[in-house]
Amino acid sequence: MIKNVYSEIPILENDRFVLRAIREEKDADDLLKVYSDEKAVPFFNSDNCNGDDFHYETMERMRRAIGFWEYSYRQKFFVRWAIEDKRNMVVIGTIELFNRMSGDYFSNCGLLRLDLRSDYETKDRIECILSIVIPKVGELFACDKVATKAITYARKRISALESLGFRLSEEALIGHDGTIYDSYYVMEL
């Protein structure tokens, strides 16, 4: 039985990766390598994020982002885990998740954002990472589906999602300001 995700960020893992709370002092250097990776940034989902593209080039900007993620967790807006590769003990990305309540198809949906360093943007690694958290989404966030964005040229990501049972949604996600977003893959839970 998993505790309330907003009282304590659970540690989730398999033999290759561990998802855990972000620790600013320990993880900031590794995370800056992720968020300054120009090859990785186009794959990040910045929909509905008030103009933030998640491309951070300075430690100051990275630390501000980590502070915002910690604040957002305390406010119960979302959970963002560090993804640590157990083989080299390096943080290679993050996963954000929350239950999105809205007036569109994506209501009561676990919205998942996966940000990876570009050398980890492979079908096998994405499947391995998502297979840790996907089985827990319904229990952690009390939702009936999970969705994540994969842009058209994210072929390895799309292949991993389809292999896990996601399908491209015909529905658009409507942002808080009315902006229409597409390219979401959905799995019913």
N, C-alpha and C. Protein backbone atom coordinates (compact mmCIF):
# COMPACT_ATOMS: atom_id res chain seq x y z
N MET A 1 0.85 -1.20 0.00
CA MET A 1 0.00 0.00 0.00
C MET A 1 0.89 1.25 0.00
N ILE A 2 0.64 2.12 -0.94
CA ILE A 2 1.41 3.35 -1.07
C ILE A 2 0.71 4.44 -0.26
N LYS A 3 1.51 5.22 0.48
CA LYS A 3 0.96 6.35 1.23
C LYS A 3 0.47 7.43 0.28
N ASN A 4 -0.21 8.42 0.82
CA ASN A 4 -0.63 9.58 0.03
C ASN A 4 0.59 10.20 -0.63
N VAL A 5 0.54 10.32 -1.94
CA VAL A 5 1.68 10.80 -2.72
C VAL A 5 2.08 12.23 -2.33
N TYR A 6 1.13 12.99 -1.76
CA TYR A 6 1.44 14.36 -1.35
C TYR A 6 1.85 14.47 0.12
N SER A 7 1.91 13.36 0.83
CA SER A 7 2.47 13.40 2.19
C SER A 7 3.92 12.94 2.17
N GLU A 8 4.24 12.09 1.21
CA GLU A 8 5.61 11.62 1.04
C GLU A 8 5.76 11.10 -0.39
N ILE A 9 6.79 11.57 -1.10
CA ILE A 9 7.02 11.09 -2.46
C ILE A 9 7.54 9.66 -2.37
N PRO A 10 6.79 8.71 -2.92
CA PRO A 10 7.25 7.32 -2.82
C PRO A 10 8.47 7.07 -3.70
N ILE A 11 9.30 6.16 -3.25
CA ILE A 11 10.43 5.69 -4.06
C ILE A 11 9.92 4.51 -4.87
N LEU A 12 10.07 4.59 -6.18
CA LEU A 12 9.64 3.53 -7.09
C LEU A 12 10.86 3.09 -7.88
N GLU A 13 11.00 1.79 -8.11
CA GLU A 13 12.21 1.35 -8.79
C GLU A 13 12.04 0.00 -9.46
N ASN A 14 12.96 -0.27 -10.36
CA ASN A 14 13.15 -1.60 -10.91
C ASN A 14 14.65 -1.87 -10.87
N ASP A 15 15.11 -2.87 -11.60
CA ASP A 15 16.53 -3.21 -11.51
C ASP A 15 17.44 -2.18 -12.16
N ARG A 16 16.90 -1.28 -12.99
CA ARG A 16 17.72 -0.34 -13.75
C ARG A 16 17.63 1.11 -13.26
N PHE A 17 16.42 1.54 -12.87
CA PHE A 17 16.19 2.94 -12.52
C PHE A 17 15.45 3.06 -11.19
N VAL A 18 15.68 4.19 -10.52
CA VAL A 18 14.91 4.51 -9.32
C VAL A 18 14.30 5.90 -9.52
N LEU A 19 13.01 6.01 -9.18
CA LEU A 19 12.32 7.29 -9.16
C LEU A 19 12.22 7.70 -7.71
N ARG A 20 12.70 8.91 -7.40
CA ARG A 20 12.75 9.37 -6.01
C ARG A 20 12.59 10.88 -5.98
N ALA A 21 12.41 11.40 -4.78
CA ALA A 21 12.31 12.85 -4.61
C ALA A 21 13.59 13.52 -5.11
N ILE A 22 13.44 14.69 -5.67
CA ILE A 22 14.59 15.48 -6.12
C ILE A 22 15.24 16.10 -4.89
N ARG A 23 16.56 16.00 -4.83
CA ARG A 23 17.33 16.62 -3.75
C ARG A 23 18.21 17.68 -4.41
N GLU A 24 17.88 18.94 -4.15
CA GLU A 24 18.54 20.04 -4.87
C GLU A 24 20.05 19.95 -4.83
N GLU A 25 20.61 19.83 -3.65
CA GLU A 25 22.07 19.85 -3.54
C GLU A 25 22.71 18.67 -4.26
N LYS A 26 22.10 17.52 -4.19
CA LYS A 26 22.65 16.32 -4.80
C LYS A 26 22.41 16.28 -6.31
N ASP A 27 21.25 16.78 -6.76
CA ASP A 27 20.80 16.55 -8.13
C ASP A 27 20.94 17.73 -9.08
N ALA A 28 21.22 18.91 -8.57
CA ALA A 28 21.20 20.11 -9.43
C ALA A 28 22.18 20.01 -10.60
N ASP A 29 23.39 19.52 -10.37
CA ASP A 29 24.37 19.40 -11.46
C ASP A 29 23.88 18.44 -12.54
N ASP A 30 23.39 17.27 -12.13
CA ASP A 30 22.88 16.30 -13.10
C ASP A 30 21.68 16.86 -13.85
N LEU A 31 20.78 17.53 -13.13
CA LEU A 31 19.58 18.07 -13.78
C LEU A 31 19.93 19.18 -14.77
N LEU A 32 20.93 19.97 -14.45
CA LEU A 32 21.34 21.01 -15.40
C LEU A 32 21.82 20.37 -16.71
N LYS A 33 22.46 19.22 -16.62
CA LYS A 33 22.87 18.51 -17.85
C LYS A 33 21.67 18.06 -18.66
N VAL A 34 20.57 17.72 -17.99
CA VAL A 34 19.34 17.33 -18.69
C VAL A 34 18.70 18.56 -19.34
N TYR A 35 18.50 19.60 -18.55
CA TYR A 35 17.71 20.75 -19.01
C TYR A 35 18.50 21.74 -19.86
N SER A 36 19.81 21.54 -19.97
CA SER A 36 20.61 22.35 -20.90
C SER A 36 20.91 21.58 -22.18
N ASP A 37 20.45 20.35 -22.26
CA ASP A 37 20.69 19.47 -23.41
C ASP A 37 19.79 19.90 -24.57
N GLU A 38 20.35 20.61 -25.53
CA GLU A 38 19.56 21.17 -26.63
C GLU A 38 18.90 20.10 -27.49
N LYS A 39 19.46 18.90 -27.52
CA LYS A 39 18.83 17.80 -28.27
C LYS A 39 17.61 17.26 -27.52
N ALA A 40 17.59 17.41 -26.21
CA ALA A 40 16.50 16.87 -25.39
C ALA A 40 15.31 17.82 -25.29
N VAL A 41 15.57 19.12 -25.25
CA VAL A 41 14.52 20.11 -24.98
C VAL A 41 13.29 19.98 -25.88
N PRO A 42 13.42 19.72 -27.18
CA PRO A 42 12.21 19.60 -28.02
C PRO A 42 11.25 18.49 -27.59
N PHE A 43 11.74 17.50 -26.84
CA PHE A 43 10.90 16.39 -26.40
C PHE A 43 10.16 16.69 -25.09
N PHE A 44 10.54 17.77 -24.41
CA PHE A 44 9.89 18.13 -23.14
C PHE A 44 8.51 18.70 -23.43
N ASN A 45 7.56 18.37 -22.57
CA ASN A 45 6.20 18.88 -22.72
C ASN A 45 6.06 20.17 -21.92
N SER A 46 6.00 21.29 -22.62
CA SER A 46 5.82 22.58 -21.94
C SER A 46 4.41 23.12 -22.13
N ASP A 47 3.48 22.28 -22.60
CA ASP A 47 2.08 22.71 -22.75
C ASP A 47 1.54 23.20 -21.41
N ASN A 48 0.87 24.33 -21.45
CA ASN A 48 0.17 24.85 -20.27
C ASN A 48 1.12 25.24 -19.14
N CYS A 49 2.36 25.57 -19.48
CA CYS A 49 3.38 25.89 -18.46
C CYS A 49 3.77 27.37 -18.47
N ASN A 50 2.86 28.23 -18.87
CA ASN A 50 3.06 29.68 -18.81
C ASN A 50 4.33 30.15 -19.51
N GLY A 51 4.64 29.52 -20.65
CA GLY A 51 5.76 29.97 -21.46
C GLY A 51 7.11 29.36 -21.13
N ASP A 52 7.20 28.56 -20.07
CA ASP A 52 8.47 27.92 -19.73
C ASP A 52 8.75 26.81 -20.74
N ASP A 53 9.92 26.83 -21.38
CA ASP A 53 10.28 25.79 -22.34
C ASP A 53 11.22 24.74 -21.73
N PHE A 54 11.56 24.91 -20.46
CA PHE A 54 12.41 23.97 -19.71
C PHE A 54 13.82 23.87 -20.27
N HIS A 55 14.26 24.90 -20.94
CA HIS A 55 15.65 24.95 -21.41
C HIS A 55 16.41 25.87 -20.47
N TYR A 56 17.19 25.28 -19.58
CA TYR A 56 17.90 26.02 -18.54
C TYR A 56 19.40 25.92 -18.80
N GLU A 57 20.05 27.05 -18.89
CA GLU A 57 21.48 27.07 -19.21
C GLU A 57 22.37 27.47 -18.05
N THR A 58 21.77 27.90 -16.93
CA THR A 58 22.58 28.31 -15.78
C THR A 58 22.13 27.55 -14.53
N MET A 59 23.05 27.41 -13.59
CA MET A 59 22.71 26.76 -12.33
C MET A 59 21.66 27.56 -11.57
N GLU A 60 21.74 28.88 -11.65
CA GLU A 60 20.73 29.71 -10.98
C GLU A 60 19.33 29.38 -11.50
N ARG A 61 19.18 29.28 -12.81
CA ARG A 61 17.86 28.99 -13.40
C ARG A 61 17.42 27.57 -13.03
N MET A 62 18.35 26.63 -13.00
CA MET A 62 18.02 25.26 -12.63
C MET A 62 17.54 25.21 -11.18
N ARG A 63 18.23 25.91 -10.31
CA ARG A 63 17.83 25.92 -8.90
C ARG A 63 16.45 26.57 -8.70
N ARG A 64 16.16 27.61 -9.47
CA ARG A 64 14.82 28.23 -9.40
C ARG A 64 13.75 27.23 -9.83
N ALA A 65 14.02 26.45 -10.88
CA ALA A 65 13.06 25.44 -11.33
C ALA A 65 12.85 24.38 -10.24
N ILE A 66 13.92 23.91 -9.65
CA ILE A 66 13.80 22.92 -8.58
C ILE A 66 12.99 23.49 -7.43
N GLY A 67 13.24 24.75 -7.08
CA GLY A 67 12.47 25.40 -6.02
C GLY A 67 11.00 25.48 -6.36
N PHE A 68 10.69 25.78 -7.62
CA PHE A 68 9.29 25.83 -8.06
C PHE A 68 8.66 24.44 -7.98
N TRP A 69 9.40 23.42 -8.38
CA TRP A 69 8.86 22.05 -8.29
C TRP A 69 8.58 21.66 -6.85
N GLU A 70 9.47 22.05 -5.94
CA GLU A 70 9.25 21.76 -4.51
C GLU A 70 8.03 22.51 -3.98
N TYR A 71 7.91 23.79 -4.34
CA TYR A 71 6.74 24.59 -3.95
C TYR A 71 5.45 23.95 -4.49
N SER A 72 5.48 23.57 -5.75
CA SER A 72 4.30 22.98 -6.39
C SER A 72 3.90 21.67 -5.71
N TYR A 73 4.87 20.90 -5.28
CA TYR A 73 4.58 19.66 -4.55
C TYR A 73 3.90 19.99 -3.22
N ARG A 74 4.45 20.95 -2.49
CA ARG A 74 3.85 21.33 -1.20
C ARG A 74 2.41 21.83 -1.38
N GLN A 75 2.15 22.48 -2.52
CA GLN A 75 0.80 22.98 -2.80
C GLN A 75 -0.11 21.90 -3.39
N LYS A 76 0.45 20.70 -3.60
CA LYS A 76 -0.27 19.56 -4.17
C LYS A 76 -0.70 19.79 -5.61
N PHE A 77 0.14 20.53 -6.36
CA PHE A 77 -0.11 20.75 -7.79
C PHE A 77 0.37 19.57 -8.62
N PHE A 78 1.56 19.06 -8.31
CA PHE A 78 2.11 17.90 -9.01
C PHE A 78 3.26 17.31 -8.21
N VAL A 79 3.64 16.09 -8.61
CA VAL A 79 4.81 15.41 -8.06
C VAL A 79 5.83 15.32 -9.18
N ARG A 80 7.06 15.65 -8.89
CA ARG A 80 8.14 15.49 -9.87
C ARG A 80 9.23 14.65 -9.23
N TRP A 81 9.48 13.49 -9.84
CA TRP A 81 10.52 12.57 -9.38
C TRP A 81 11.80 12.79 -10.16
N ALA A 82 12.94 12.59 -9.52
CA ALA A 82 14.21 12.44 -10.20
C ALA A 82 14.27 11.01 -10.71
N ILE A 83 14.82 10.82 -11.91
CA ILE A 83 15.05 9.48 -12.46
C ILE A 83 16.55 9.23 -12.36
N GLU A 84 16.91 8.29 -11.52
CA GLU A 84 18.33 7.98 -11.33
C GLU A 84 18.66 6.64 -11.97
N ASP A 85 19.72 6.62 -12.76
CA ASP A 85 20.23 5.39 -13.36
C ASP A 85 21.04 4.68 -12.29
N LYS A 86 20.62 3.49 -11.90
CA LYS A 86 21.29 2.75 -10.83
C LYS A 86 22.70 2.31 -11.22
N ARG A 87 22.96 2.19 -12.51
CA ARG A 87 24.27 1.70 -12.95
C ARG A 87 25.38 2.72 -12.67
N ASN A 88 25.05 4.00 -12.79
CA ASN A 88 26.10 5.01 -12.59
C ASN A 88 25.72 6.06 -11.54
N MET A 89 24.55 5.88 -10.90
CA MET A 89 24.08 6.78 -9.84
C MET A 89 23.97 8.23 -10.31
N VAL A 90 23.54 8.42 -11.55
CA VAL A 90 23.39 9.75 -12.15
C VAL A 90 21.91 9.99 -12.42
N VAL A 91 21.44 11.21 -12.13
CA VAL A 91 20.07 11.58 -12.46
C VAL A 91 20.05 11.96 -13.94
N ILE A 92 19.18 11.27 -14.69
CA ILE A 92 19.15 11.42 -16.15
C ILE A 92 17.84 12.05 -16.65
N GLY A 93 17.00 12.50 -15.71
CA GLY A 93 15.75 13.14 -16.10
C GLY A 93 14.80 13.24 -14.94
N THR A 94 13.57 13.63 -15.28
CA THR A 94 12.50 13.73 -14.28
C THR A 94 11.20 13.23 -14.87
N ILE A 95 10.30 12.84 -13.99
CA ILE A 95 8.90 12.53 -14.35
C ILE A 95 8.02 13.39 -13.47
N GLU A 96 7.10 14.11 -14.11
CA GLU A 96 6.08 14.86 -13.38
C GLU A 96 4.74 14.16 -13.60
N LEU A 97 3.93 14.10 -12.56
CA LEU A 97 2.60 13.51 -12.64
C LEU A 97 1.63 14.26 -11.74
N PHE A 98 0.40 14.36 -12.20
CA PHE A 98 -0.69 14.92 -11.39
C PHE A 98 -2.01 14.48 -11.99
N ASN A 99 -3.06 14.53 -11.19
CA ASN A 99 -4.40 14.24 -11.68
C ASN A 99 -4.99 15.54 -12.21
N ARG A 100 -5.18 15.60 -13.51
CA ARG A 100 -5.70 16.80 -14.17
C ARG A 100 -7.22 16.76 -14.16
N MET A 101 -7.79 17.76 -13.52
CA MET A 101 -9.25 17.92 -13.51
C MET A 101 -9.58 19.10 -14.42
N SER A 102 -10.42 18.86 -15.42
CA SER A 102 -10.70 19.89 -16.41
C SER A 102 -12.05 19.63 -17.06
N GLY A 103 -12.41 20.47 -18.00
CA GLY A 103 -13.66 20.31 -18.72
C GLY A 103 -13.51 19.61 -20.06
N ASP A 104 -12.34 19.04 -20.33
CA ASP A 104 -12.13 18.36 -21.60
C ASP A 104 -11.95 16.85 -21.38
N TYR A 105 -11.62 16.14 -22.42
CA TYR A 105 -11.43 14.69 -22.38
C TYR A 105 -10.38 14.30 -21.35
N PHE A 106 -9.41 15.14 -21.11
CA PHE A 106 -8.29 14.81 -20.23
C PHE A 106 -8.56 15.13 -18.76
N SER A 107 -9.83 15.07 -18.37
CA SER A 107 -10.18 15.25 -16.96
C SER A 107 -10.06 13.91 -16.24
N ASN A 108 -9.72 13.97 -14.96
CA ASN A 108 -9.46 12.78 -14.15
C ASN A 108 -8.40 11.91 -14.82
N CYS A 109 -7.40 12.59 -15.34
CA CYS A 109 -6.33 11.96 -16.11
C CYS A 109 -4.99 12.22 -15.42
N GLY A 110 -4.21 11.18 -15.25
CA GLY A 110 -2.86 11.35 -14.76
C GLY A 110 -2.00 11.91 -15.89
N LEU A 111 -1.71 13.19 -15.83
CA LEU A 111 -0.90 13.81 -16.87
C LEU A 111 0.57 13.62 -16.51
N LEU A 112 1.31 12.99 -17.42
CA LEU A 112 2.69 12.61 -17.18
C LEU A 112 3.61 13.40 -18.10
N ARG A 113 4.63 14.00 -17.51
CA ARG A 113 5.68 14.67 -18.28
C ARG A 113 6.97 13.91 -18.04
N LEU A 114 7.62 13.50 -19.12
CA LEU A 114 8.87 12.76 -19.04
C LEU A 114 9.96 13.59 -19.71
N ASP A 115 10.92 14.04 -18.92
CA ASP A 115 12.05 14.83 -19.43
C ASP A 115 13.32 13.99 -19.25
N LEU A 116 13.96 13.66 -20.38
CA LEU A 116 15.15 12.81 -20.35
C LEU A 116 16.31 13.47 -21.05
N ARG A 117 17.51 13.20 -20.56
CA ARG A 117 18.71 13.57 -21.29
C ARG A 117 18.66 12.87 -22.65
N SER A 118 19.15 13.50 -23.69
CA SER A 118 18.96 12.98 -25.05
C SER A 118 19.55 11.58 -25.26
N ASP A 119 20.62 11.24 -24.57
CA ASP A 119 21.19 9.90 -24.76
C ASP A 119 20.34 8.80 -24.10
N TYR A 120 19.33 9.18 -23.34
CA TYR A 120 18.39 8.22 -22.75
C TYR A 120 17.07 8.16 -23.52
N GLU A 121 16.94 8.93 -24.56
CA GLU A 121 15.72 8.97 -25.37
C GLU A 121 15.74 7.79 -26.35
N THR A 122 15.65 6.56 -25.78
CA THR A 122 15.62 5.33 -26.57
C THR A 122 14.38 4.54 -26.18
N LYS A 123 13.90 3.72 -27.09
CA LYS A 123 12.69 2.93 -26.83
C LYS A 123 12.84 2.08 -25.57
N ASP A 124 13.92 1.33 -25.46
CA ASP A 124 14.10 0.43 -24.33
C ASP A 124 14.18 1.17 -23.00
N ARG A 125 14.92 2.27 -22.96
CA ARG A 125 15.04 3.01 -21.70
C ARG A 125 13.73 3.67 -21.31
N ILE A 126 13.01 4.23 -22.29
CA ILE A 126 11.72 4.86 -21.99
C ILE A 126 10.74 3.82 -21.46
N GLU A 127 10.67 2.67 -22.11
CA GLU A 127 9.80 1.59 -21.63
C GLU A 127 10.17 1.18 -20.21
N CYS A 128 11.46 1.02 -19.96
CA CYS A 128 11.93 0.60 -18.64
C CYS A 128 11.55 1.62 -17.57
N ILE A 129 11.71 2.89 -17.87
CA ILE A 129 11.38 3.94 -16.90
C ILE A 129 9.86 4.02 -16.68
N LEU A 130 9.09 4.07 -17.76
CA LEU A 130 7.64 4.21 -17.61
C LEU A 130 7.00 2.97 -16.98
N SER A 131 7.59 1.80 -17.18
CA SER A 131 7.03 0.59 -16.59
C SER A 131 7.12 0.61 -15.07
N ILE A 132 7.94 1.48 -14.52
CA ILE A 132 8.01 1.63 -13.06
C ILE A 132 6.78 2.36 -12.54
N VAL A 133 6.39 3.44 -13.21
CA VAL A 133 5.37 4.33 -12.66
C VAL A 133 3.96 4.06 -13.21
N ILE A 134 3.83 3.63 -14.45
CA ILE A 134 2.50 3.46 -15.05
C ILE A 134 1.60 2.55 -14.22
N PRO A 135 2.07 1.40 -13.73
CA PRO A 135 1.17 0.55 -12.93
C PRO A 135 0.70 1.20 -11.63
N LYS A 136 1.37 2.25 -11.18
CA LYS A 136 1.03 2.91 -9.91
C LYS A 136 0.18 4.16 -10.08
N VAL A 137 -0.01 4.65 -11.31
CA VAL A 137 -0.66 5.95 -11.53
C VAL A 137 -2.07 5.98 -10.94
N GLY A 138 -2.88 4.95 -11.21
CA GLY A 138 -4.25 4.94 -10.70
C GLY A 138 -4.31 5.01 -9.19
N GLU A 139 -3.46 4.24 -8.53
CA GLU A 139 -3.42 4.22 -7.07
C GLU A 139 -2.90 5.53 -6.50
N LEU A 140 -1.85 6.07 -7.10
CA LEU A 140 -1.23 7.29 -6.58
C LEU A 140 -2.07 8.54 -6.81
N PHE A 141 -2.76 8.60 -7.95
CA PHE A 141 -3.43 9.84 -8.33
C PHE A 141 -4.93 9.71 -8.51
N ALA A 142 -5.51 8.55 -8.20
CA ALA A 142 -6.96 8.32 -8.25
C ALA A 142 -7.56 8.81 -9.57
N CYS A 143 -6.98 8.35 -10.67
CA CYS A 143 -7.46 8.75 -11.99
C CYS A 143 -7.82 7.51 -12.81
N ASP A 144 -8.51 7.71 -13.93
CA ASP A 144 -8.94 6.56 -14.72
C ASP A 144 -8.17 6.38 -16.03
N LYS A 145 -7.23 7.29 -16.29
CA LYS A 145 -6.38 7.17 -17.48
C LYS A 145 -5.10 7.95 -17.23
N VAL A 146 -4.11 7.69 -18.06
CA VAL A 146 -2.85 8.42 -18.00
C VAL A 146 -2.53 8.88 -19.41
N ALA A 147 -1.99 10.09 -19.53
CA ALA A 147 -1.66 10.65 -20.84
C ALA A 147 -0.30 11.34 -20.78
N THR A 148 0.38 11.31 -21.91
CA THR A 148 1.65 12.00 -22.04
C THR A 148 1.81 12.46 -23.48
N LYS A 149 2.55 13.52 -23.67
CA LYS A 149 2.74 14.09 -25.00
C LYS A 149 3.95 13.46 -25.67
N ALA A 150 3.80 13.20 -26.97
CA ALA A 150 4.93 12.74 -27.79
C ALA A 150 4.76 13.37 -29.17
N ILE A 151 5.64 14.30 -29.48
CA ILE A 151 5.55 15.00 -30.76
C ILE A 151 5.87 14.04 -31.90
N THR A 152 5.42 14.38 -33.09
CA THR A 152 5.47 13.50 -34.25
C THR A 152 6.84 12.89 -34.49
N TYR A 153 7.91 13.67 -34.36
CA TYR A 153 9.23 13.13 -34.66
C TYR A 153 9.91 12.44 -33.47
N ALA A 154 9.17 12.24 -32.39
CA ALA A 154 9.69 11.51 -31.23
C ALA A 154 9.43 10.01 -31.44
N ARG A 155 9.97 9.48 -32.49
CA ARG A 155 9.63 8.11 -32.93
C ARG A 155 9.97 7.04 -31.89
N LYS A 156 11.10 7.18 -31.22
CA LYS A 156 11.47 6.18 -30.21
C LYS A 156 10.52 6.25 -29.02
N ARG A 157 10.15 7.47 -28.63
CA ARG A 157 9.21 7.65 -27.52
C ARG A 157 7.84 7.09 -27.90
N ILE A 158 7.38 7.39 -29.09
CA ILE A 158 6.08 6.89 -29.56
C ILE A 158 6.09 5.37 -29.60
N SER A 159 7.16 4.78 -30.10
CA SER A 159 7.27 3.33 -30.16
C SER A 159 7.19 2.72 -28.76
N ALA A 160 7.87 3.33 -27.80
CA ALA A 160 7.82 2.85 -26.42
C ALA A 160 6.40 2.97 -25.85
N LEU A 161 5.77 4.11 -26.09
CA LEU A 161 4.40 4.31 -25.58
C LEU A 161 3.44 3.28 -26.16
N GLU A 162 3.51 3.07 -27.46
CA GLU A 162 2.61 2.11 -28.10
C GLU A 162 2.88 0.70 -27.60
N SER A 163 4.13 0.37 -27.36
CA SER A 163 4.48 -0.94 -26.82
C SER A 163 3.89 -1.16 -25.43
N LEU A 164 3.78 -0.07 -24.66
CA LEU A 164 3.20 -0.15 -23.31
C LEU A 164 1.67 -0.11 -23.31
N GLY A 165 1.06 0.14 -24.48
CA GLY A 165 -0.40 0.14 -24.56
C GLY A 165 -1.04 1.51 -24.71
N PHE A 166 -0.25 2.55 -24.91
CA PHE A 166 -0.81 3.88 -25.15
C PHE A 166 -1.28 3.97 -26.60
N ARG A 167 -2.23 4.85 -26.85
CA ARG A 167 -2.69 5.13 -28.21
C ARG A 167 -2.78 6.65 -28.38
N LEU A 168 -2.57 7.11 -29.61
CA LEU A 168 -2.68 8.53 -29.91
C LEU A 168 -4.13 8.95 -29.75
N SER A 169 -4.38 9.97 -28.96
CA SER A 169 -5.74 10.45 -28.73
C SER A 169 -6.19 11.34 -29.88
N GLU A 170 -7.42 11.19 -30.28
CA GLU A 170 -8.02 12.08 -31.26
C GLU A 170 -8.50 13.37 -30.61
N GLU A 171 -8.55 13.37 -29.30
CA GLU A 171 -9.01 14.53 -28.53
C GLU A 171 -7.85 15.49 -28.29
N ALA A 172 -8.17 16.76 -28.24
CA ALA A 172 -7.17 17.78 -27.91
C ALA A 172 -7.24 18.08 -26.42
N LEU A 173 -6.11 18.45 -25.87
CA LEU A 173 -6.05 18.93 -24.50
C LEU A 173 -6.25 20.45 -24.56
N ILE A 174 -7.18 20.96 -23.79
CA ILE A 174 -7.47 22.39 -23.78
C ILE A 174 -6.80 23.02 -22.57
N GLY A 175 -5.88 23.94 -22.84
CA GLY A 175 -5.15 24.61 -21.77
C GLY A 175 -6.01 25.52 -20.94
N HIS A 176 -5.48 25.96 -19.81
CA HIS A 176 -6.23 26.83 -18.90
C HIS A 176 -6.59 28.16 -19.55
N ASP A 177 -5.85 28.55 -20.59
CA ASP A 177 -6.15 29.80 -21.30
C ASP A 177 -6.88 29.55 -22.62
N GLY A 178 -7.34 28.31 -22.84
CA GLY A 178 -8.07 27.97 -24.05
C GLY A 178 -7.20 27.47 -25.20
N THR A 179 -5.90 27.48 -25.03
CA THR A 179 -4.99 26.98 -26.07
C THR A 179 -5.26 25.49 -26.29
N ILE A 180 -5.24 25.08 -27.56
CA ILE A 180 -5.46 23.68 -27.92
C ILE A 180 -4.11 23.01 -28.14
N TYR A 181 -3.92 21.86 -27.47
CA TYR A 181 -2.67 21.10 -27.57
C TYR A 181 -2.99 19.70 -28.10
N ASP A 182 -2.11 19.20 -28.97
CA ASP A 182 -2.32 17.87 -29.53
C ASP A 182 -1.11 16.98 -29.25
N SER A 183 -1.10 15.82 -29.88
CA SER A 183 0.00 14.84 -29.78
C SER A 183 0.06 14.15 -28.42
N TYR A 184 -1.10 13.89 -27.83
CA TYR A 184 -1.15 13.19 -26.55
C TYR A 184 -1.48 11.71 -26.77
N TYR A 185 -0.74 10.88 -26.07
CA TYR A 185 -0.96 9.44 -26.08
C TYR A 185 -1.60 9.07 -24.75
N VAL A 186 -2.61 8.20 -24.81
CA VAL A 186 -3.44 7.91 -23.65
C VAL A 186 -3.50 6.41 -23.41
N MET A 187 -3.57 6.05 -22.14
CA MET A 187 -3.82 4.67 -21.74
C MET A 187 -4.93 4.69 -20.69
N GLU A 188 -5.96 3.90 -20.91
CA GLU A 188 -7.00 3.74 -19.90
C GLU A 188 -6.45 2.86 -18.79
N LEU A 189 -6.80 3.19 -17.55
CA LEU A 189 -6.31 2.41 -16.40
C LEU A 189 -7.39 1.46 -15.90
